[in-house]
Amino acid sequence: MSQEVNELTHPTIDSTEDPAQKSGPSRSLDAKLARVAEMIAGMQAHAEPLEKRGLDAAFMTQFSADYQALVDAHNAQLACKARMMEKTEEIQAKLGQIQLTYSDARAQVKRIFPKSTWREFGITDQRL
């Protein structure tokens, strides 16, 4: 109920139904950015009647600047996500190599040393 009240008293960019979407309004940032871009284009195309209602050139300039700042921040966020995914792949590759090396070293320790000394190498094989 609080969300319904919030949408009634504080409409958001996506609080109105889009007839092209059957499942309701989209909540993704890309969809919101697309809707804002459409709004800006429409406002620029019909600037004269809007200016009579207080949406003047200064309003349009500020709205466009705010939109562009949001697009820039979103693009920077996407770039960070891409770098993070690259680092994750790098970590996974190094972890795979470390696991192979550890497995080989562990096998050699178990072959060479008696079970009583395995603990010194961090090997705690216990059978239940």
Protein backbone atom coordinates (compact mmCIF):
# COMPACT_ATOMS: atom_id res chain seq x y z
CA MET A 1 0.00 0.00 0.00
CA SER A 2 2.82 2.43 0.78
CA GLN A 3 4.23 1.97 -2.72
CA GLU A 4 0.80 2.78 -4.20
CA VAL A 5 0.61 5.92 -2.08
CA ASN A 6 4.17 6.83 -3.03
CA GLU A 7 3.42 6.47 -6.73
CA LEU A 8 0.27 8.55 -6.38
CA THR A 9 1.92 11.36 -4.45
CA HIS A 10 5.40 11.15 -5.99
CA PRO A 11 5.18 9.96 -9.58
CA THR A 12 8.38 8.53 -10.99
CA ILE A 13 9.69 8.37 -14.52
CA ASP A 14 8.16 4.95 -15.03
CA SER A 15 4.94 5.26 -13.02
CA THR A 16 2.78 5.43 -16.15
CA GLU A 17 1.96 2.40 -18.25
CA ASP A 18 3.75 2.04 -21.56
CA PRO A 19 1.31 0.50 -24.08
CA ALA A 20 4.21 -1.24 -25.87
CA GLN A 21 4.99 -3.24 -22.72
CA LYS A 22 2.49 -5.93 -21.82
CA SER A 23 3.95 -6.76 -18.40
CA GLY A 24 3.82 -3.25 -16.97
CA PRO A 25 6.37 -0.49 -16.59
CA SER A 26 10.02 -1.40 -16.76
CA ARG A 27 12.20 -0.74 -13.75
CA SER A 28 15.56 -0.96 -15.52
CA LEU A 29 17.78 2.07 -15.81
CA ASP A 30 18.16 1.58 -19.56
CA ALA A 31 14.39 1.75 -20.00
CA LYS A 32 14.21 4.87 -17.84
CA LEU A 33 16.99 6.53 -19.81
CA ALA A 34 15.21 5.72 -23.06
CA ARG A 35 11.98 7.24 -21.75
CA VAL A 36 13.77 10.40 -20.62
CA ALA A 37 15.46 10.70 -24.03
CA GLU A 38 12.06 10.42 -25.69
CA MET A 39 10.68 13.06 -23.34
CA ILE A 40 13.54 15.45 -24.15
CA ALA A 41 13.10 14.90 -27.89
CA GLY A 42 9.37 15.52 -27.61
CA MET A 43 9.88 18.62 -25.50
CA GLN A 44 12.37 20.00 -28.02
CA ALA A 45 9.95 19.33 -30.87
CA HIS A 46 7.13 21.13 -29.05
CA ALA A 47 9.06 23.80 -27.18
CA GLU A 48 6.72 26.71 -27.95
CA PRO A 49 3.54 25.39 -26.26
CA LEU A 50 5.57 24.06 -23.34
CA GLU A 51 7.25 27.42 -22.80
CA LYS A 52 3.83 28.94 -22.16
CA ARG A 53 3.43 26.47 -19.26
CA GLY A 54 6.77 27.31 -17.64
CA LEU A 55 8.99 24.74 -19.32
CA ASP A 56 11.30 27.29 -20.89
CA ALA A 57 14.73 26.99 -22.50
CA ALA A 58 16.51 27.13 -19.13
CA PHE A 59 14.39 24.21 -17.89
CA MET A 60 15.14 22.24 -21.06
CA THR A 61 18.87 22.98 -20.81
CA GLN A 62 19.02 21.86 -17.17
CA PHE A 63 16.92 18.75 -17.89
CA SER A 64 19.19 17.80 -20.82
CA ALA A 65 22.33 18.43 -18.75
CA ASP A 66 21.00 16.29 -15.89
CA TYR A 67 20.12 13.54 -18.36
CA GLN A 68 23.58 13.64 -19.93
CA ALA A 69 25.23 13.50 -16.49
CA LEU A 70 23.16 10.41 -15.68
CA VAL A 71 24.10 8.77 -18.99
CA ASP A 72 27.78 9.50 -18.34
CA ALA A 73 27.57 8.05 -14.82
CA HIS A 74 25.77 4.97 -16.14
CA ASN A 75 28.41 4.44 -18.82
CA ALA A 76 31.16 4.78 -16.20
CA GLN A 77 29.36 2.20 -14.05
CA LEU A 78 29.13 -0.20 -17.00
CA ALA A 79 32.86 0.26 -17.66
CA CYS A 80 33.60 -0.56 -14.01
CA LYS A 81 31.45 -3.68 -14.24
CA ALA A 82 33.32 -4.77 -17.37
CA ARG A 83 36.69 -4.27 -15.65
CA MET A 84 35.42 -6.19 -12.63
CA MET A 85 34.34 -9.09 -14.85
CA GLU A 86 37.79 -9.11 -16.49
CA LYS A 87 39.44 -9.22 -13.05
CA THR A 88 37.10 -12.01 -11.97
CA GLU A 89 38.13 -14.07 -15.01
CA GLU A 90 41.79 -13.36 -14.23
CA ILE A 91 41.29 -14.45 -10.61
CA GLN A 92 39.49 -17.62 -11.66
CA ALA A 93 42.30 -18.54 -14.05
CA LYS A 94 44.97 -17.94 -11.39
CA LEU A 95 42.93 -19.82 -8.80
CA GLY A 96 42.64 -22.79 -11.15
CA GLN A 97 46.41 -22.81 -11.63
CA ILE A 98 47.03 -22.51 -7.88
CA GLN A 99 44.64 -25.38 -7.20
CA LEU A 100 46.51 -27.61 -9.66
CA THR A 101 49.86 -26.67 -8.12
CA TYR A 102 48.51 -27.23 -4.60
CA SER A 103 47.09 -30.60 -5.58
CA ASP A 104 50.42 -31.72 -7.07
CA ALA A 105 52.38 -30.50 -4.03
CA ARG A 106 49.95 -32.15 -1.64
CA ALA A 107 50.22 -35.47 -3.46
CA GLN A 108 54.02 -35.31 -3.31
CA VAL A 109 54.01 -34.46 0.41
CA LYS A 110 51.69 -37.39 1.10
CA ARG A 111 53.98 -39.74 -0.86
CA ILE A 112 57.24 -38.56 0.71
CA PHE A 113 56.39 -37.87 4.36
CA PRO A 114 54.73 -40.02 6.98
CA LYS A 115 51.15 -39.20 7.96
CA SER A 116 52.26 -37.82 11.33
CA THR A 117 54.06 -34.90 9.62
CA TRP A 118 51.30 -33.94 7.16
CA ARG A 119 49.89 -31.41 9.63
CA GLU A 120 53.02 -29.28 9.17
CA PHE A 121 51.96 -28.83 5.54
CA GLY A 122 48.36 -28.02 6.41
CA ILE A 123 47.07 -31.45 5.43
CA THR A 124 44.42 -32.67 7.84
CA ASP A 125 43.10 -35.84 6.22
CA GLN A 126 40.82 -37.51 8.69
CA ARG A 127 38.72 -40.54 8.00
CA LEU A 128 35.43 -40.92 9.78
